[in-house]
Amino acid sequence: MDKVKREGLYLQWVSLRLIERFINVLYPIDIPMLLRLLPNIGYVVPKKSLKGFVEPGEALAVKSNIELILNQDNKTLGVSGRDVSEVLEGFNELRSFWTEHLNPSPSAETHYIELGGEGIISSQNNPSRAFSEFWGRFDIMQKLSGIVGLDVTNFGFRLVPRNIEVNNTEWFDLRIQPQVISSANQYYINIVWRSKDMATAINNFKKVPETIGAVIREVERK
């Protein structure tokens, strides 16, 4: 994020999550036991979480700025927050804890690790104008303008891997567009980035702010 700041952009995460999804038929972790033991590493676990009475969207457990993310239906476990380093630290701590103390199934296998997030990037340039000028470089926009009958542009873009099925474990989906209510000075970011390999996923996670900054610099390039 510091590099993005130095180059005239400021990235503020609204939400971030880092989760692990398991490929096992059954959930490989004793979740009730996990909830009972989490206070040992500083989590606050409401009593209704232990009783299974948590409302949809309500946190099962919280530690400072980190929340536990758990979905037994799709066999995911991870953390959410608003800071890359805090989320990464929380994810690593949680994973080390259940690995060491909960005797997970010997057949436990990771399907993929997934980063998800929404954020806002403030820019000294006008995002709406930047995208209009960016798409103006391509002849196809002139053809589309002729079809529609108005001078048109693309209000941002969405990048995904070429010719890779969306359900693949190696996948990303990066959306960048002007923030609708502040389109003169802010970009809206939405990202999903997953990988089966733990090291690759963590490395991508660390580089996300830099990657997004580089993409925006290309859009704003004159």
Foldseek 3Di string as FASTA:
>chain_A
DVVLVVVFKDKWFPKKKKKWFWPDPFQQFDVLVLLVCVVVVAKDADPVLNVVNDDPPDFRIDHVQKTWDDDRVRNMTAIMGTDLVVRVVRRVVSVVVRVPPTPTDPPTATPKMKMKTKIKMFGPAQQQVLQLVLQVVDVVQVVVCVVVVHNDTDQWDWDKDPPDDCPHQAIKIWTWGQDVVPRGTMIIIIMMGMHRDPVVNSVCSVCVVVVVSVVVCVSNPD
